[in-house]
Amino acid sequence: MQGPSELITFLTRNQFLTSAQGDILLKEKQRFVSSIQLCAELVQRNWITAYQQAQLLSGNGEKLIIGSYRLQLPIGEGGMGMVFKAIQPKLDRCVALKIIRPQVLAARPEILSRFHREARAIAQLHHPNLVILFDADESNGTHYIAMEYVEGQTFEKMVRSNGPMGIRQACEYIRQSAIGLQHAYEVGLVHRDIKPSNILVAQRPLGGASTGNSSMRLSRPALVTIRDRERQQQGGSAGKLSQSWGTVKILDMGLARLTDPDEDQQGSGHTPLTRAGALLGTPDFIAPEQARDARKVDIRADIYSLGCTFYYLLTGKPPFPGGTDVQKLIRHQTEKPFPVEDLRPGIPGEVLQILGRMLEKRPEDRYATPQQLADAVDHYLSPVVPHTPVPTPSTSPVAETPAV
């Protein structure tokens, strides 16, 4: 374990601390009798995190350095790696850093192609309702993706904590999700793993700005549809709801399939990630056609999965709870979900119609695009009131005043 002086030098040299903070500590170093005492003081001052403290005291300080990034704390974990909140000191930017576990890569080298595929997919996206990619690289054998960091809660966590959502709130979140998926659709992407844990609501910072609290500090032009722009200019009810309930951010494009045939491997129609027999998606929220053959899905599979997510927001349950994964896949193919109106009385008929169309078994019976879905939800949230012209009272003509 490093002594206090060596630890201060390490933290300053590697930009965990600013030069000013390092100077302050060097002047105070005589009062730190051990690195344990120093780290405790730094945590108390919020200059390092408790996770960094544990790594430093375990002699793993170098593991907190990934390229130009400095790990602060773990925020998520998946099958192939972990996600950390990290700082990029040179740009003073907070990011979400996704890292492949070295042991996973050693055991399954094909994971690397999936990881690079995820980076290519996210790099094409730039929309307020989708998480933005900043960087994808490798450092000393560690492969990582740096993405926009967003503070907030996933749909899953919100429902687990507070129960089913209010109807209009759930509708607004589905509307925003559909707008984000429309952008992905317009650049030729299908997400293929839409579910409550992959959609997050950004916390609104003090002041009530609707962009949420993320690492996108500076605004830059986003690729939005003409319809989005018109809605923003008109400042309709849906925009007000977005400001009230926060901004939706769709996460994890890791299973995204490029619809461009040039992406298919040697013209075979599939990549190693979409080969026959591979199940991509989550059984509780997977579209029937995706369970049969993930190679052939289009954006309508995401609409079905978003419908399952909508069902979850309204009831607190997936459409087919219980049973094994295989049983769930079969039920998605052959059964209709338990009527949502029996689990949640009082849902307006227009909302039931929207949900029902999202959950149609045949893709051709669903909304053809996410924009159609967003428009349908928008119509419910902001119904168009017919304009009735106010009659102008007739008056007798006024004679001109003669010039004097």
Protein backbone atom coordinates (compact mmCIF):
# COMPACT_ATOMS: atom_id res chain seq x y z
CA MET A 1 0.00 0.00 0.00
CA GLN A 2 1.28 3.46 -0.88
CA GLY A 3 1.99 5.97 1.86
CA PRO A 4 0.07 9.26 2.04
CA SER A 5 2.67 11.28 0.06
CA GLU A 6 2.92 8.66 -2.70
CA LEU A 7 -0.87 8.37 -2.85
CA ILE A 8 -1.30 12.14 -3.18
CA THR A 9 1.26 12.14 -6.01
CA PHE A 10 -0.49 9.24 -7.75
CA LEU A 11 -3.91 10.87 -7.54
CA THR A 12 -2.65 14.24 -8.75
CA ARG A 13 -0.47 12.90 -11.55
CA ASN A 14 -3.34 10.78 -12.91
CA GLN A 15 -5.88 13.60 -12.61
CA PHE A 16 -8.11 12.06 -9.96
CA LEU A 17 -7.44 15.33 -8.16
CA THR A 18 -6.94 18.79 -9.59
CA SER A 19 -3.57 20.51 -9.21
CA ALA A 20 -5.11 22.84 -6.65
CA GLN A 21 -6.43 19.91 -4.60
CA GLY A 22 -3.04 18.21 -4.78
CA ASP A 23 -1.29 21.36 -3.54
CA ILE A 24 -3.69 21.61 -0.60
CA LEU A 25 -3.04 17.99 0.37
CA LEU A 26 0.73 18.32 0.11
CA LYS A 27 0.60 21.23 2.53
CA GLU A 28 -1.53 19.12 4.91
CA LYS A 29 0.26 15.80 4.42
CA GLN A 30 1.96 15.87 7.83
CA ARG A 31 -1.35 15.33 9.59
CA PHE A 32 -2.17 12.16 7.59
CA VAL A 33 -0.56 9.30 9.48
CA SER A 34 -1.74 6.65 7.01
CA SER A 35 -3.28 6.19 3.58
CA ILE A 36 -6.42 4.93 5.29
CA GLN A 37 -6.82 8.24 7.09
CA LEU A 38 -6.06 10.18 3.89
CA CYS A 39 -8.62 8.27 1.82
CA ALA A 40 -11.27 8.70 4.49
CA GLU A 41 -10.63 12.44 4.42
CA LEU A 42 -10.85 12.55 0.61
CA VAL A 43 -14.16 10.69 0.63
CA GLN A 44 -15.51 13.10 3.24
CA ARG A 45 -14.49 16.04 1.05
CA ASN A 46 -16.14 14.34 -1.99
CA TRP A 47 -12.80 14.40 -3.81
CA ILE A 48 -12.88 10.63 -4.40
CA THR A 49 -15.67 8.05 -4.15
CA ALA A 50 -16.00 5.19 -1.69
CA TYR A 51 -15.41 2.78 -4.59
CA GLN A 52 -12.17 4.55 -5.49
CA GLN A 53 -11.18 4.47 -1.82
CA ALA A 54 -11.62 0.69 -1.68
CA GLN A 55 -9.60 0.17 -4.87
CA LEU A 56 -6.79 2.46 -3.75
CA LEU A 57 -6.47 0.81 -0.34
CA SER A 58 -6.44 -2.61 -2.02
CA GLY A 59 -3.52 -1.59 -4.21
CA ASN A 60 -5.70 -1.49 -7.35
CA GLY A 61 -5.41 2.19 -8.14
CA GLU A 62 -4.10 1.52 -11.66
CA LYS A 63 -7.29 -0.40 -12.45
CA LEU A 64 -9.22 2.85 -12.04
CA ILE A 65 -7.44 4.21 -15.13
CA ILE A 66 -8.94 3.22 -18.50
CA GLY A 67 -7.39 5.24 -21.29
CA SER A 68 -8.35 8.88 -20.74
CA TYR A 69 -11.08 7.91 -18.26
CA ARG A 70 -11.05 7.54 -14.48
CA LEU A 71 -13.55 5.10 -12.97
CA GLN A 72 -15.67 6.50 -10.15
CA LEU A 73 -18.15 3.74 -9.29
CA PRO A 74 -19.95 0.77 -10.87
CA ILE A 75 -23.50 1.56 -12.03
CA GLY A 76 -24.53 -1.55 -13.94
CA GLU A 77 -23.64 -5.09 -14.89
CA GLY A 78 -24.50 -7.30 -17.83
CA GLY A 79 -23.65 -10.63 -19.32
CA MET A 80 -20.47 -9.48 -20.98
CA GLY A 81 -19.24 -6.64 -18.84
CA MET A 82 -19.76 -3.82 -16.41
CA VAL A 83 -20.78 -0.18 -16.71
CA PHE A 84 -19.04 2.47 -14.63
CA LYS A 85 -19.63 6.11 -13.99
CA ALA A 86 -16.35 7.68 -15.04
CA ILE A 87 -14.73 11.06 -15.53
CA GLN A 88 -12.77 12.21 -18.57
CA PRO A 89 -10.55 14.83 -16.89
CA LYS A 90 -9.24 16.50 -20.05
CA LEU A 91 -12.77 17.38 -21.17
CA ASP A 92 -14.22 17.64 -17.65
CA ARG A 93 -16.92 15.24 -18.77
CA CYS A 94 -18.82 12.53 -16.93
CA VAL A 95 -19.55 9.39 -18.96
CA ALA A 96 -20.99 5.91 -18.65
CA LEU A 97 -18.10 3.58 -19.49
CA LYS A 98 -19.01 0.05 -20.60
CA ILE A 99 -16.14 -2.42 -20.26
CA ILE A 100 -15.84 -6.03 -21.39
CA ARG A 101 -14.63 -8.29 -18.64
CA PRO A 102 -11.22 -9.69 -19.71
CA GLN A 103 -12.16 -13.17 -18.54
CA VAL A 104 -15.31 -13.12 -20.67
CA LEU A 105 -13.32 -12.05 -23.70
CA ALA A 106 -10.75 -14.78 -23.07
CA ALA A 107 -13.43 -17.46 -22.84
CA ARG A 108 -15.56 -16.13 -25.72
CA PRO A 109 -13.55 -14.11 -28.26
CA GLU A 110 -16.65 -13.66 -30.45
CA ILE A 111 -18.00 -11.26 -27.80
CA LEU A 112 -15.62 -8.64 -29.17
CA SER A 113 -17.46 -8.50 -32.49
CA ARG A 114 -20.71 -7.90 -30.61
CA PHE A 115 -19.08 -5.15 -28.59
CA HIS A 116 -17.79 -3.37 -31.71
CA ARG A 117 -21.17 -3.85 -33.33
CA GLU A 118 -22.79 -2.08 -30.39
CA ALA A 119 -20.42 0.85 -30.82
CA ARG A 120 -21.15 1.14 -34.54
CA ALA A 121 -24.87 1.05 -33.88
CA ILE A 122 -24.86 3.72 -31.18
CA ALA A 123 -22.50 5.94 -33.20
CA GLN A 124 -25.19 6.47 -35.85
CA LEU A 125 -27.67 7.84 -33.34
CA HIS A 126 -28.10 11.41 -32.18
CA HIS A 127 -31.49 12.12 -30.68
CA PRO A 128 -32.72 13.46 -27.31
CA ASN A 129 -34.50 10.17 -26.53
CA LEU A 130 -31.47 7.95 -27.21
CA VAL A 131 -28.23 7.65 -25.26
CA ILE A 132 -25.34 9.19 -27.22
CA LEU A 133 -21.98 7.55 -27.96
CA PHE A 134 -18.82 9.55 -27.26
CA ASP A 135 -16.01 7.08 -27.81
CA ALA A 136 -15.14 3.43 -28.48
CA ASP A 137 -11.58 2.19 -28.05
CA GLU A 138 -9.17 -0.20 -26.38
CA SER A 139 -6.55 0.51 -23.72
CA ASN A 140 -3.96 -2.05 -22.63
CA GLY A 141 -6.22 -4.88 -23.77
CA THR A 142 -9.36 -3.42 -22.17
CA HIS A 143 -12.15 -2.71 -24.65
CA TYR A 144 -14.65 -0.01 -23.74
CA ILE A 145 -17.44 2.23 -24.98
CA ALA A 146 -17.94 5.71 -23.50
CA MET A 147 -21.55 6.88 -23.59
CA GLU A 148 -23.62 9.78 -22.37
CA TYR A 149 -24.11 9.50 -18.61
CA VAL A 150 -27.69 10.08 -17.50
CA GLU A 151 -28.88 10.24 -13.92
CA GLY A 152 -32.32 8.77 -13.53
CA GLN A 153 -34.37 5.61 -13.05
CA THR A 154 -35.37 2.88 -15.46
CA PHE A 155 -39.02 2.08 -16.05
CA GLU A 156 -38.44 -1.18 -14.20
CA LYS A 157 -37.10 0.54 -11.09
CA MET A 158 -39.85 3.15 -11.13
CA VAL A 159 -42.59 0.52 -11.24
CA ARG A 160 -40.90 -1.68 -8.66
CA SER A 161 -40.59 1.29 -6.31
CA ASN A 162 -43.92 3.01 -6.87
CA GLY A 163 -46.24 0.50 -8.54
CA PRO A 164 -48.05 0.95 -11.87
CA MET A 165 -47.84 4.41 -13.40
CA GLY A 166 -50.55 6.93 -13.98
CA ILE A 167 -52.17 6.42 -17.38
CA ARG A 168 -51.17 9.75 -18.91
CA GLN A 169 -47.65 9.51 -17.53
CA ALA A 170 -47.23 6.02 -19.00
CA CYS A 171 -48.60 7.26 -22.32
CA GLU A 172 -46.16 10.17 -22.39
CA TYR A 173 -43.22 7.83 -21.73
CA ILE A 174 -44.36 5.52 -24.53
CA ARG A 175 -44.73 8.50 -26.86
CA GLN A 176 -41.17 9.63 -26.17
CA SER A 177 -39.87 6.07 -26.54
CA ALA A 178 -41.58 5.79 -29.91
CA ILE A 179 -40.01 9.05 -31.09
CA GLY A 180 -36.57 7.74 -30.13
CA LEU A 181 -37.21 4.46 -31.96
CA GLN A 182 -38.35 6.43 -35.00
CA HIS A 183 -34.91 8.02 -35.22
CA ALA A 184 -33.26 4.59 -34.94
CA TYR A 185 -35.60 3.35 -37.68
CA GLU A 186 -34.70 6.27 -39.94
CA VAL A 187 -31.00 5.40 -39.78
CA GLY A 188 -31.72 1.72 -40.41
CA LEU A 189 -31.56 0.25 -36.90
CA VAL A 190 -33.75 -2.11 -34.92
CA HIS A 191 -33.11 -2.25 -31.17
CA ARG A 192 -34.35 -5.82 -30.54
CA ASP A 193 -34.24 -5.65 -26.75
CA ILE A 194 -36.77 -3.01 -25.73
CA LYS A 195 -37.84 -3.66 -22.15
CA PRO A 196 -38.44 -1.68 -18.92
CA SER A 197 -34.85 -2.04 -17.75
CA ASN A 198 -33.54 -0.60 -21.03
CA ILE A 199 -35.52 2.64 -20.91
CA LEU A 200 -34.53 5.30 -18.43
CA VAL A 201 -36.13 8.57 -17.36
CA ALA A 202 -33.58 11.32 -16.83
CA GLN A 203 -33.94 13.25 -13.60
CA ARG A 204 -34.90 16.85 -14.09
CA PRO A 205 -32.19 19.17 -12.76
CA LEU A 206 -33.02 22.16 -10.60
CA GLY A 207 -34.76 24.70 -12.73
CA GLY A 208 -37.00 22.16 -14.42
CA ALA A 209 -35.19 21.86 -17.75
CA SER A 210 -36.61 18.97 -19.70
CA THR A 211 -33.33 17.67 -21.07
CA GLY A 212 -32.61 15.76 -17.87
CA ASN A 213 -29.36 15.53 -15.96
CA SER A 214 -26.82 14.06 -18.35
CA SER A 215 -23.26 14.50 -19.56
CA MET A 216 -24.56 16.31 -22.65
CA ARG A 217 -23.84 19.71 -21.16
CA LEU A 218 -23.54 21.61 -24.43
CA SER A 219 -26.44 21.55 -26.82
CA ARG A 220 -25.71 20.50 -30.37
CA PRO A 221 -28.03 19.85 -33.33
CA ALA A 222 -29.96 16.61 -32.93
CA LEU A 223 -31.33 14.60 -35.81
CA VAL A 224 -35.07 14.94 -35.33
CA THR A 225 -37.99 14.52 -37.64
CA ILE A 226 -39.89 17.43 -39.13
CA ARG A 227 -42.87 16.37 -37.04
CA ASP A 228 -40.75 16.58 -33.87
CA ARG A 229 -39.64 20.09 -34.80
CA GLU A 230 -43.20 21.22 -35.46
CA ARG A 231 -44.31 19.83 -32.11
CA GLN A 232 -41.50 21.69 -30.32
CA GLN A 233 -42.37 24.94 -32.09
CA GLN A 234 -46.06 24.60 -31.27
CA GLY A 235 -45.35 23.84 -27.62
CA GLY A 236 -48.32 21.50 -27.30
CA SER A 237 -49.56 19.57 -24.29
CA ALA A 238 -47.22 16.67 -24.98
CA GLY A 239 -44.22 18.99 -24.68
CA LYS A 240 -45.49 20.23 -21.33
CA LEU A 241 -45.91 16.63 -20.15
CA SER A 242 -42.31 15.91 -21.15
CA GLN A 243 -41.11 18.82 -19.04
CA SER A 244 -43.25 17.63 -16.13
CA TRP A 245 -42.26 13.96 -16.10
CA GLY A 246 -38.73 14.04 -17.50
CA THR A 247 -37.01 12.89 -20.66
CA VAL A 248 -36.95 9.25 -21.78
CA LYS A 249 -33.60 7.79 -22.81
CA ILE A 250 -33.43 4.42 -24.57
CA LEU A 251 -30.39 2.43 -23.48
CA ASP A 252 -28.36 -0.51 -24.74
CA MET A 253 -28.31 -0.72 -28.50
CA GLY A 254 -26.15 -3.83 -28.07
CA LEU A 255 -28.57 -6.10 -29.91
CA ALA A 256 -29.33 -3.62 -32.67
CA ARG A 257 -29.43 -5.06 -36.17
CA LEU A 258 -28.47 -2.89 -39.10
CA THR A 259 -31.05 -3.30 -41.85
CA ASP A 260 -28.44 -2.45 -44.51
CA PRO A 261 -27.71 -5.74 -46.31
CA ASP A 262 -24.04 -4.73 -46.61
CA GLU A 263 -23.79 -5.45 -42.90
CA ASP A 264 -24.71 -9.07 -43.48
CA GLN A 265 -21.76 -11.37 -43.33
CA GLN A 266 -20.66 -12.47 -46.84
CA GLY A 267 -24.20 -12.04 -48.10
CA SER A 268 -25.48 -14.85 -45.87
CA GLY A 269 -28.23 -12.68 -44.45
CA HIS A 270 -26.96 -12.87 -40.90
CA THR A 271 -23.99 -12.16 -38.68
CA PRO A 272 -22.64 -14.34 -35.86
CA LEU A 273 -25.01 -12.43 -33.61
CA THR A 274 -28.12 -13.33 -35.61
CA ARG A 275 -27.39 -16.88 -36.70
CA ALA A 276 -30.24 -19.36 -36.74
CA GLY A 277 -31.10 -20.68 -33.31
CA ALA A 278 -29.78 -17.64 -31.45
CA LEU A 279 -32.35 -16.02 -29.17
CA LEU A 280 -31.83 -12.28 -29.04
CA GLY A 281 -34.09 -10.37 -26.71
CA THR A 282 -35.79 -10.96 -23.39
CA PRO A 283 -38.55 -13.61 -23.14
CA ASP A 284 -40.96 -11.39 -21.18
CA PHE A 285 -40.89 -8.69 -23.87
CA ILE A 286 -39.89 -10.41 -27.13
CA ALA A 287 -41.95 -10.18 -30.33
CA PRO A 288 -43.34 -13.47 -31.69
CA GLU A 289 -41.42 -13.21 -34.97
CA GLN A 290 -38.19 -12.37 -33.17
CA ALA A 291 -38.41 -15.56 -31.12
CA ARG A 292 -38.81 -17.52 -34.36
CA ASP A 293 -35.96 -15.87 -36.28
CA ALA A 294 -34.14 -12.79 -35.00
CA ARG A 295 -32.50 -12.31 -38.41
CA LYS A 296 -35.70 -11.18 -40.11
CA VAL A 297 -37.18 -8.70 -37.67
CA ASP A 298 -37.87 -5.06 -38.46
CA ILE A 299 -38.92 -2.05 -36.41
CA ARG A 300 -42.35 -3.58 -35.77
CA ALA A 301 -40.69 -6.07 -33.41
CA ASP A 302 -39.57 -3.10 -31.30
CA ILE A 303 -43.15 -1.78 -31.36
CA TYR A 304 -44.38 -5.10 -29.96
CA SER A 305 -41.73 -5.07 -27.23
CA LEU A 306 -42.64 -1.48 -26.43
CA GLY A 307 -46.26 -2.66 -26.18
CA CYS A 308 -45.19 -5.28 -23.62
CA THR A 309 -43.39 -2.48 -21.78
CA PHE A 310 -46.54 -0.31 -21.92
CA TYR A 311 -48.51 -3.22 -20.43
CA TYR A 312 -45.91 -3.41 -17.65
CA LEU A 313 -46.15 0.31 -16.90
CA LEU A 314 -49.93 0.10 -16.59
CA THR A 315 -50.18 -3.13 -14.59
CA GLY A 316 -46.81 -3.74 -12.93
CA LYS A 317 -46.56 -7.09 -14.73
CA PRO A 318 -45.32 -8.32 -18.11
CA PRO A 319 -48.03 -9.65 -20.44
CA PHE A 320 -47.21 -13.29 -19.66
CA PRO A 321 -45.86 -13.53 -16.10
CA GLY A 322 -44.72 -16.81 -14.58
CA GLY A 323 -43.57 -19.99 -16.26
CA THR A 324 -40.32 -20.88 -17.96
CA ASP A 325 -38.68 -18.90 -20.72
CA VAL A 326 -39.85 -21.45 -23.28
CA GLN A 327 -43.42 -21.23 -22.02
CA LYS A 328 -43.30 -17.44 -22.29
CA LEU A 329 -42.06 -17.63 -25.87
CA ILE A 330 -44.90 -19.98 -26.77
CA ARG A 331 -47.50 -17.74 -25.14
CA HIS A 332 -46.24 -14.73 -27.09
CA GLN A 333 -46.90 -16.81 -30.21
CA THR A 334 -50.30 -18.24 -29.34
CA GLU A 335 -52.07 -16.38 -26.51
CA LYS A 336 -53.44 -12.95 -25.81
CA PRO A 337 -52.40 -11.29 -22.54
CA PHE A 338 -54.83 -11.11 -19.65
CA PRO A 339 -57.05 -8.10 -20.42
CA VAL A 340 -55.31 -5.02 -19.09
CA GLU A 341 -58.66 -3.39 -18.28
CA ASP A 342 -59.40 -6.21 -15.81
CA LEU A 343 -56.10 -5.57 -14.01
CA ARG A 344 -56.43 -1.80 -14.26
CA PRO A 345 -60.06 -0.64 -14.52
CA GLY A 346 -60.69 2.81 -15.91
CA ILE A 347 -58.21 2.83 -18.78
CA PRO A 348 -59.69 4.91 -21.63
CA GLY A 349 -60.79 3.03 -24.70
CA GLU A 350 -58.38 4.95 -26.93
CA VAL A 351 -55.44 3.79 -24.80
CA LEU A 352 -56.68 0.18 -24.92
CA GLN A 353 -56.86 0.40 -28.71
CA ILE A 354 -53.28 1.71 -28.92
CA LEU A 355 -51.97 -1.02 -26.63
CA GLY A 356 -53.94 -3.71 -28.45
CA ARG A 357 -52.52 -2.72 -31.81
CA MET A 358 -48.96 -2.68 -30.43
CA LEU A 359 -49.44 -6.24 -29.18
CA GLU A 360 -50.84 -7.76 -32.36
CA LYS A 361 -49.21 -11.11 -33.14
CA ARG A 362 -48.71 -10.36 -36.84
CA PRO A 363 -46.30 -7.49 -37.59
CA GLU A 364 -48.53 -6.22 -40.41
CA ASP A 365 -51.35 -5.66 -37.91
CA ARG A 366 -49.24 -3.35 -35.73
CA TYR A 367 -48.30 0.26 -36.34
CA ALA A 368 -46.02 0.32 -39.38
CA THR A 369 -43.57 2.80 -37.82
CA PRO A 370 -42.86 4.22 -34.36
CA GLN A 371 -43.97 7.63 -35.66
CA GLN A 372 -47.47 6.28 -36.31
CA LEU A 373 -47.53 5.03 -32.73
CA ALA A 374 -46.25 8.35 -31.38
CA ASP A 375 -48.94 10.20 -33.35
CA ALA A 376 -51.66 7.95 -31.95
CA VAL A 377 -50.51 8.53 -28.37
CA ASP A 378 -50.09 12.23 -29.04
CA HIS A 379 -53.67 12.37 -30.28
CA TYR A 380 -54.85 10.90 -26.98
CA LEU A 381 -52.67 13.21 -24.89
CA SER A 382 -53.39 16.32 -26.97
CA PRO A 383 -56.69 15.85 -28.77
CA VAL A 384 -57.28 18.29 -31.57
CA VAL A 385 -60.17 20.55 -30.66
CA PRO A 386 -62.12 21.66 -33.75
CA HIS A 387 -61.83 25.40 -34.24
CA THR A 388 -65.17 27.17 -34.25
CA PRO A 389 -64.88 30.63 -35.77
CA VAL A 390 -66.34 33.40 -33.64
CA PRO A 391 -68.92 35.33 -35.67
CA THR A 392 -68.07 38.98 -36.20
CA PRO A 393 -70.98 41.22 -35.20
CA SER A 394 -72.29 43.21 -38.10
CA THR A 395 -72.13 47.00 -37.69
CA SER A 396 -73.32 49.85 -39.78
CA PRO A 397 -70.63 51.47 -41.88
CA VAL A 398 -69.08 54.54 -40.34
CA ALA A 399 -69.00 57.62 -42.51
CA GLU A 400 -65.61 59.10 -43.21
CA THR A 401 -64.75 62.19 -41.23
CA PRO A 402 -64.27 64.97 -43.68
CA ALA A 403 -60.87 66.53 -43.74
CA VAL A 404 -60.75 69.96 -42.19
